[in-house]
Protein backbone atom coordinates (compact mmCIF):
# COMPACT_ATOMS: atom_id res chain seq x y z
CA MET A 1 56.85 72.37 53.54
CA LYS A 2 58.95 70.97 50.68
CA VAL A 3 58.71 73.09 47.51
CA LEU A 4 60.04 72.01 44.12
CA VAL A 5 61.02 74.89 41.82
CA ILE A 6 61.10 74.21 38.08
CA ASN A 7 62.38 76.31 35.18
CA ALA A 8 61.39 74.52 31.97
CA GLY A 9 62.95 75.35 28.61
CA SER A 10 62.17 73.87 25.21
CA SER A 11 64.82 71.15 25.57
CA SER A 12 65.94 71.53 29.17
CA LEU A 13 64.59 71.63 32.70
CA LYS A 14 66.26 73.00 35.82
CA TYR A 15 65.06 72.20 39.33
CA GLN A 16 65.68 72.97 43.00
CA LEU A 17 64.02 71.37 46.00
CA TYR A 18 63.60 73.61 49.04
CA ASP A 19 62.80 72.87 52.66
CA MET A 20 60.92 76.06 53.51
CA ARG A 21 61.39 75.73 57.26
CA GLU A 22 64.83 77.27 56.91
CA GLU A 23 64.74 77.99 53.15
CA THR A 24 67.50 75.46 52.51
CA VAL A 25 68.23 73.78 49.18
CA MET A 26 67.89 70.01 49.63
CA ALA A 27 68.77 69.11 46.04
CA SER A 28 69.17 70.72 42.64
CA GLY A 29 69.92 69.76 39.09
CA ARG A 30 69.01 69.92 35.45
CA VAL A 31 67.86 67.78 32.56
CA GLU A 32 69.45 68.65 29.21
CA ARG A 33 68.86 67.52 25.63
CA ILE A 34 65.21 66.59 26.21
CA GLY A 35 63.88 64.86 23.11
CA MET A 36 67.05 62.89 22.44
CA ASP A 37 68.28 59.40 23.26
CA SER A 38 71.35 60.89 24.96
CA SER A 39 69.62 63.20 27.45
CA ILE A 40 71.64 64.15 30.53
CA LEU A 41 70.33 64.35 34.09
CA THR A 42 72.67 66.08 36.52
CA HIS A 43 71.69 65.87 40.20
CA GLU A 44 73.37 67.56 43.16
CA VAL A 45 72.82 67.23 46.90
CA PRO A 46 74.85 69.47 49.26
CA GLY A 47 77.72 67.48 50.74
CA ARG A 48 77.45 64.62 48.26
CA GLN A 49 79.11 63.79 44.97
CA GLU A 50 77.31 64.96 41.83
CA VAL A 51 75.27 62.33 39.98
CA ARG A 52 75.22 62.33 36.17
CA ASP A 53 73.01 59.98 34.17
CA VAL A 54 72.75 59.72 30.38
CA SER A 55 69.58 58.10 29.01
CA GLU A 56 66.66 58.57 26.63
CA ILE A 57 64.28 61.33 27.74
CA LEU A 58 61.91 62.14 24.90
CA ASP A 59 59.58 64.66 26.55
CA HIS A 60 59.05 66.87 29.60
CA VAL A 61 56.71 64.36 31.27
CA THR A 62 59.54 61.83 31.31
CA ALA A 63 62.00 64.52 32.42
CA VAL A 64 59.90 65.40 35.48
CA LYS A 65 59.43 61.69 36.26
CA ARG A 66 63.21 61.24 36.25
CA VAL A 67 63.59 64.23 38.58
CA VAL A 68 60.95 62.90 40.99
CA ASP A 69 62.47 59.40 40.86
CA ILE A 70 65.95 60.60 41.77
CA LEU A 71 64.60 62.79 44.59
CA VAL A 72 63.17 59.65 46.25
CA ASP A 73 65.98 57.31 45.19
CA PRO A 74 67.33 55.42 48.25
CA GLN A 75 70.94 56.11 47.27
CA HIS A 76 70.85 59.57 45.69
CA GLY A 77 67.58 61.07 46.90
CA VAL A 78 66.60 63.29 49.81
CA LEU A 79 62.93 62.32 50.23
CA SER A 80 61.36 59.14 51.57
CA ALA A 81 58.21 59.50 49.46
CA ILE A 82 56.87 61.58 46.57
CA ASN A 83 54.09 63.03 48.71
CA GLU A 84 56.69 65.00 50.68
CA ILE A 85 56.66 67.44 47.73
CA GLN A 86 53.76 69.67 48.76
CA ALA A 87 53.98 72.39 46.11
CA VAL A 88 55.70 73.16 42.80
CA GLY A 89 56.67 76.65 41.65
CA HIS A 90 57.38 77.52 38.03
CA ARG A 91 59.20 80.38 36.39
CA VAL A 92 57.16 81.82 33.52
CA VAL A 93 58.78 84.52 31.39
CA HIS A 94 55.73 86.43 30.15
CA GLY A 95 52.57 87.27 32.04
CA GLY A 96 51.51 90.17 29.82
CA GLU A 97 49.11 92.58 31.51
CA SER A 98 47.11 89.69 32.94
CA PHE A 99 49.33 88.85 35.89
CA LYS A 100 50.59 91.47 38.31
CA GLN A 101 51.69 88.87 40.85
CA SER A 102 52.30 85.17 41.27
CA VAL A 103 49.22 82.92 41.13
CA ILE A 104 48.14 79.34 41.79
CA VAL A 105 47.71 77.37 38.57
CA THR A 106 44.09 76.95 37.49
CA PRO A 107 42.51 76.07 34.13
CA GLU A 108 41.93 79.81 33.59
CA VAL A 109 45.58 80.63 34.35
CA LYS A 110 46.79 77.97 31.91
CA LEU A 111 44.48 79.31 29.22
CA GLU A 112 45.86 82.83 29.69
CA ILE A 113 49.49 81.64 29.57
CA ARG A 114 48.69 79.93 26.27
CA ARG A 115 47.09 83.14 24.99
CA LEU A 116 50.38 84.89 25.65
CA PHE A 117 52.40 82.48 23.49
CA ASP A 118 52.67 85.16 20.78
CA LEU A 119 54.49 87.50 23.17
CA ALA A 120 57.02 84.86 24.26
CA PRO A 121 57.06 82.10 21.60
CA LEU A 122 60.40 80.68 22.75
CA HIS A 123 59.55 80.57 26.44
CA ASN A 124 55.88 80.35 27.43
CA PRO A 125 55.16 77.15 25.44
CA ALA A 126 58.09 75.46 27.20
CA HIS A 127 56.84 76.63 30.60
CA MET A 128 53.42 75.16 29.80
CA MET A 129 55.09 71.84 28.99
CA GLY A 130 56.67 71.98 32.45
CA ILE A 131 53.32 72.64 34.13
CA SER A 132 51.65 69.80 32.20
CA ALA A 133 54.52 67.44 33.04
CA VAL A 134 54.10 68.12 36.76
CA GLU A 135 50.35 67.54 36.48
CA ALA A 136 51.07 64.15 34.91
CA ASN A 137 53.54 63.12 37.62
CA LEU A 138 52.20 64.91 40.70
CA PRO A 139 48.46 65.29 39.98
CA ASN A 140 47.45 66.25 43.52
CA VAL A 141 50.13 68.86 44.16
CA GLU A 142 49.38 72.59 43.98
CA GLN A 143 51.36 74.50 41.37
CA VAL A 144 52.25 78.20 41.36
CA VAL A 145 53.51 80.34 38.47
CA VAL A 146 55.86 83.28 39.06
CA PHE A 147 56.19 85.72 36.15
CA ASP A 148 59.33 87.60 35.08
CA THR A 149 57.12 90.46 33.93
CA ALA A 150 54.96 90.76 37.06
CA PHE A 151 57.33 92.99 39.06
CA HIS A 152 57.27 95.56 36.25
CA GLN A 153 53.48 95.87 36.16
CA THR A 154 53.78 98.86 38.50
CA MET A 155 55.33 100.99 35.71
CA PRO A 156 53.23 104.05 34.81
CA PRO A 157 51.93 104.51 31.23
CA THR A 158 54.57 107.20 30.65
CA ALA A 159 57.19 104.47 31.00
CA TYR A 160 55.52 101.45 29.43
CA LEU A 161 53.80 102.95 26.38
CA TYR A 162 55.66 103.45 23.09
CA PRO A 163 55.08 106.64 21.01
CA ILE A 164 53.45 104.69 18.18
CA PRO A 165 49.76 104.57 17.13
CA MET A 166 47.67 103.66 20.19
CA VAL A 167 45.66 101.21 18.11
CA LEU A 168 48.69 98.88 18.23
CA TYR A 169 48.52 98.87 22.02
CA ARG A 170 44.76 98.40 22.09
CA ARG A 171 44.75 95.58 19.54
CA HIS A 172 48.01 93.78 20.21
CA LYS A 173 49.18 95.02 23.62
CA ILE A 174 52.43 96.35 22.16
CA ARG A 175 54.11 98.03 25.14
CA ARG A 176 57.11 97.74 27.44
CA TYR A 177 56.84 94.70 29.72
CA GLY A 178 60.36 94.26 31.01
CA PHE A 179 62.00 91.02 32.14
CA HIS A 180 64.30 89.71 34.89
CA GLY A 181 61.59 90.98 37.25
CA THR A 182 62.02 88.09 39.69
CA SER A 183 65.72 88.92 40.01
CA HIS A 184 65.19 92.68 40.36
CA HIS A 185 62.51 92.04 42.98
CA TYR A 186 64.72 89.69 44.99
CA VAL A 187 67.85 91.85 45.02
CA SER A 188 65.94 95.02 45.90
CA ASP A 189 64.49 93.25 48.95
CA GLN A 190 67.96 92.02 49.93
CA ALA A 191 69.46 95.48 49.47
CA ALA A 192 66.85 97.08 51.73
CA GLN A 193 67.61 94.49 54.43
CA LEU A 194 71.34 95.18 54.15
CA LEU A 195 70.72 98.91 54.42
CA GLY A 196 68.36 98.45 57.36
CA LYS A 197 65.74 100.64 55.67
CA PRO A 198 62.21 100.01 54.42
CA LEU A 199 61.88 99.80 50.64
CA SER A 200 59.49 102.74 50.74
CA GLU A 201 62.37 105.04 51.70
CA VAL A 202 64.93 104.01 49.08
CA LYS A 203 65.48 104.84 45.40
CA MET A 204 67.42 102.07 43.68
CA VAL A 205 68.83 101.19 40.30
CA SER A 206 69.24 97.44 39.91
CA CYS A 207 71.63 96.16 37.21
CA HIS A 208 71.05 92.52 36.26
CA ILE A 209 74.12 91.90 34.12
CA GLY A 210 74.54 88.47 32.58
CA ASN A 211 74.55 87.27 28.98
CA GLY A 212 71.15 88.91 28.94
CA ALA A 213 71.12 92.22 30.81
CA SER A 214 68.61 94.75 32.09
CA VAL A 215 68.43 97.78 34.38
CA THR A 216 65.45 98.68 36.54
CA ALA A 217 64.53 101.87 38.37
CA ILE A 218 62.95 100.95 41.72
CA LYS A 219 61.18 103.62 43.75
CA GLU A 220 59.37 102.87 47.00
CA GLY A 221 59.86 99.17 46.31
CA GLN A 222 58.19 99.29 42.90
CA SER A 223 59.53 99.10 39.37
CA VAL A 224 58.94 102.47 37.69
CA ASP A 225 60.98 101.82 34.53
CA THR A 226 63.11 99.06 33.04
CA SER A 227 65.35 98.73 30.02
CA MET A 228 63.91 95.63 28.31
CA GLY A 229 60.72 96.22 26.37
CA LEU A 230 58.11 94.21 24.47
CA THR A 231 60.87 91.60 24.16
CA PRO A 232 64.24 91.07 25.88
CA LEU A 233 66.00 92.63 22.86
CA GLU A 234 65.54 96.27 23.87
CA GLY A 235 67.83 98.15 26.24
CA LEU A 236 71.44 97.41 27.08
CA MET A 237 74.06 95.98 24.76
CA MET A 238 74.24 92.30 25.75
CA GLY A 239 76.23 89.17 25.00
CA THR A 240 74.66 88.52 21.60
CA ARG A 241 71.76 91.02 21.57
CA SER A 242 72.05 94.50 20.11
CA GLY A 243 69.97 96.38 22.66
CA ASP A 244 68.79 99.84 21.60
CA ILE A 245 69.27 100.72 17.94
CA ASP A 246 67.60 103.03 15.44
CA PRO A 247 64.54 100.99 14.32
CA ALA A 248 65.10 102.20 10.75
CA ILE A 249 68.21 99.99 10.68
CA VAL A 250 65.94 96.95 10.33
CA PRO A 251 64.23 97.78 7.00
CA PHE A 252 67.41 99.45 5.70
CA THR A 253 69.51 96.34 6.37
CA MET A 254 66.84 93.99 5.05
CA ASN A 255 66.80 95.93 1.80
CA LYS A 256 70.57 96.30 1.37
CA GLU A 257 71.51 92.75 2.40
CA GLU A 258 68.33 91.08 1.09
CA LEU A 259 67.61 89.57 4.50
CA THR A 260 64.37 87.91 5.54
CA LEU A 261 62.55 88.91 8.72
CA SER A 262 63.80 85.72 10.35
CA GLU A 263 67.40 86.46 9.35
CA VAL A 264 67.41 90.02 10.65
CA ASN A 265 65.75 88.86 13.86
CA SER A 266 68.50 86.27 14.29
CA MET A 267 71.16 88.90 13.57
CA LEU A 268 69.88 91.22 16.31
CA ASN A 269 69.33 88.49 18.91
CA LYS A 270 72.14 86.01 18.27
CA HIS A 271 74.89 87.76 16.31
CA SER A 272 75.12 91.25 17.81
CA GLY A 273 76.25 92.75 21.12
CA LEU A 274 79.65 91.86 22.58
CA LEU A 275 80.07 89.05 20.08
CA ALA A 276 79.58 91.31 17.06
CA ILE A 277 81.88 94.13 18.17
CA SER A 278 84.68 92.04 19.68
CA GLY A 279 84.68 89.27 17.08
CA ILE A 280 85.83 87.04 19.93
CA SER A 281 83.02 86.00 22.21
CA SER A 282 79.79 86.92 23.99
CA ASP A 283 81.43 85.97 27.31
CA MET A 284 82.66 88.95 29.34
CA ARG A 285 85.53 86.88 30.77
CA GLU A 286 86.91 86.27 27.29
CA ILE A 287 86.39 89.93 26.38
CA VAL A 288 88.47 91.01 29.38
CA GLN A 289 91.15 88.48 28.48
CA GLY A 290 91.23 89.89 24.96
CA MET A 291 91.61 93.43 26.35
CA ASP A 292 94.54 92.32 28.49
CA GLU A 293 96.16 90.86 25.39
CA GLY A 294 95.82 94.16 23.57
CA ASP A 295 92.86 93.33 21.32
CA LYS A 296 91.40 96.69 20.24
CA ASN A 297 88.04 95.24 19.24
CA ALA A 298 87.64 93.58 22.63
CA GLN A 299 88.43 96.93 24.26
CA LEU A 300 85.88 98.70 22.06
CA ALA A 301 83.20 96.12 22.89
CA PHE A 302 83.86 96.53 26.62
CA ASP A 303 83.83 100.33 26.42
CA MET A 304 80.56 100.36 24.46
CA TYR A 305 79.01 97.95 26.95
CA VAL A 306 80.03 100.09 29.93
CA TYR A 307 79.00 103.34 28.23
CA ARG A 308 75.48 102.13 27.50
CA LEU A 309 75.03 100.73 31.01
CA ARG A 310 76.23 103.99 32.54
CA LYS A 311 73.76 105.97 30.39
CA TYR A 312 70.83 103.95 31.69
CA ILE A 313 71.90 104.36 35.31
CA GLY A 314 72.13 108.13 34.85
CA ALA A 315 68.78 108.25 33.07
CA TYR A 316 67.03 106.33 35.81
CA ALA A 317 68.56 108.51 38.52
CA ALA A 318 67.01 111.45 36.66
CA ALA A 319 63.69 109.63 36.21
CA MET A 320 63.42 109.11 39.98
CA ASN A 321 64.77 112.57 40.82
CA GLY A 322 67.56 111.00 42.84
CA LEU A 323 69.33 107.78 43.66
CA ASP A 324 70.27 106.15 46.97
CA VAL A 325 71.49 102.69 45.96
CA LEU A 326 73.14 101.11 42.92
CA ILE A 327 72.96 97.30 42.76
CA PHE A 328 75.00 94.91 40.63
CA THR A 329 73.74 91.34 40.26
CA ALA A 330 73.73 88.23 37.99
CA GLY A 331 76.77 86.48 36.45
CA VAL A 332 78.74 89.47 35.16
CA GLY A 333 77.43 91.96 37.71
CA GLU A 334 78.39 89.73 40.63
CA ASN A 335 81.77 88.56 39.34
CA SER A 336 83.36 91.27 37.19
CA ASP A 337 85.07 93.83 39.44
CA ARG A 338 86.52 95.34 36.24
CA LEU A 339 83.06 96.09 34.86
CA ARG A 340 81.77 97.52 38.13
CA ALA A 341 84.82 99.78 38.51
CA SER A 342 84.55 101.05 34.93
CA VAL A 343 80.84 101.81 35.29
CA CYS A 344 81.27 103.64 38.59
CA GLU A 345 84.28 105.67 37.38
CA GLY A 346 81.92 107.62 35.17
CA LEU A 347 79.30 108.20 37.86
CA THR A 348 81.29 110.24 40.36
CA PHE A 349 79.08 113.26 39.60
CA LEU A 350 76.30 111.41 41.45
CA GLY A 351 78.48 111.13 44.52
CA ILE A 352 79.58 107.52 43.99
CA GLU A 353 82.89 106.53 45.56
CA LEU A 354 83.97 102.94 44.99
CA ASP A 355 86.21 101.15 47.49
CA GLU A 356 88.77 99.38 45.28
CA GLU A 357 89.61 96.67 47.80
CA LEU A 358 85.98 95.88 48.63
CA ASN A 359 85.16 95.81 44.92
CA LYS A 360 87.85 93.19 44.25
CA LYS A 361 86.78 90.83 47.03
CA ARG A 362 84.73 87.76 46.11
CA SER A 363 81.78 86.68 48.23
CA LYS A 364 78.48 84.87 47.88
CA GLU A 365 76.89 87.30 50.33
CA ALA A 366 75.31 90.70 49.66
CA ARG A 367 77.91 93.38 50.39
CA TYR A 368 78.91 97.03 50.08
CA ILE A 369 81.61 97.94 47.57
CA SER A 370 81.39 101.72 48.06
CA THR A 371 83.27 103.81 50.61
CA GLU A 372 81.64 105.01 53.83
CA ASN A 373 81.61 108.54 52.40
CA SER A 374 79.91 107.57 49.16
CA ARG A 375 76.62 109.48 48.87
CA ILE A 376 75.14 106.62 46.85
CA LYS A 377 75.66 103.15 48.28
CA VAL A 378 76.93 100.60 45.75
CA LEU A 379 76.10 96.96 46.48
CA VAL A 380 76.79 93.57 44.98
CA VAL A 381 73.78 91.34 45.69
CA PRO A 382 73.84 87.74 44.43
CA THR A 383 70.50 87.00 42.84
CA ASN A 384 68.41 83.99 43.79
CA GLU A 385 65.33 83.85 41.60
CA GLU A 386 64.61 80.25 42.61
CA LEU A 387 64.33 81.20 46.28
CA LEU A 388 61.88 84.00 45.49
CA ILE A 389 59.81 81.53 43.43
CA ALA A 390 59.86 79.10 46.35
CA ARG A 391 58.80 81.84 48.77
CA ASP A 392 55.88 82.95 46.59
CA THR A 393 54.82 79.33 46.08
CA TYR A 394 54.93 78.60 49.80
CA ALA A 395 52.99 81.77 50.69
CA LEU A 396 50.22 81.22 48.13
CA VAL A 397 49.73 77.55 48.98
CA GLN A 398 49.62 78.36 52.70
CA GLN A 399 47.03 81.08 52.06
CA ALA A 400 44.92 78.68 50.02
CA LYS A 401 44.97 76.12 52.83
CA GLN A 402 43.83 78.69 55.36
CA ALA A 403 41.08 80.13 53.16
């Protein structure tokens, strides 16, 4: 089966085409600047030169048509006909409490995703545009939605409820949802395979560290707590997001600086985190470069970042009454040996021993970076959310055919 995976944003669309026989990527790419006359389609096929086309793409329907066209293009494509695409899987950020697992798209599912627009106003509407665009171009193909929040639906009320009036939960479903669930799910499965143990026997802390960052406590294969909350703003210090702060800072700052709700929201999401403290960048690579050049603010930003990450790891080890595996994944987690070393240096009380040479090695494969004597195994596991989406899509469509 050929499965097309789509991640639609408000003005962009990423795609990967999988052959599920061996779970290989046949082609991948992205459409940027949707809605403009200078939109960019970038298309890649393994072993071939990248294709880049600039043209007018005014909406997502046209964007998906361009993707389908290039997939069957005699020169640049990998398919002989459109009907070789047998299923399409979509990433959807927010599934609320309605979706505990991936589902096939139905009118009822679309209605519920729309109902959740208030919880993810920047993401869910864009995902719906992606679903509608596929319907317009591939009307007979089954679609599946995979939710970032679904993996965290196993959290108990003690973890997902906030200590605020319960009427706010009952009326508006204000609670912890968590995000990056597809990534945490994927890397925990990969870690268990590397360890040669069933998930039911392992307590893990998974650190998804990119420009956005979250930590998840995984016990018996299930998420029992996670750092992001109602929105992706809560939790760790991130590239431009503040993470945890005293909530009283919001009204205090609004009053003192005469900020609107929109302005303070922008401050916390786009002008805080590494960028705010370093004054240099939200990119960890540039922060590390600044540290090496003696920039004290860059050093402070890095130290704060590491400190807050380390606190969450320790808290989740306590929440699970133990820890067997610590996982680093995503852009920073997979590539910054400096970050991983700094985090683990402060966790020796848990029995973590990092192997310096293994930690410095680069690889696209899941690997150990702890010593053989380390009581807690430390792993770097490259995430692959698209593959998990493709797997869920394939499984659900196959089940539907057999039903």
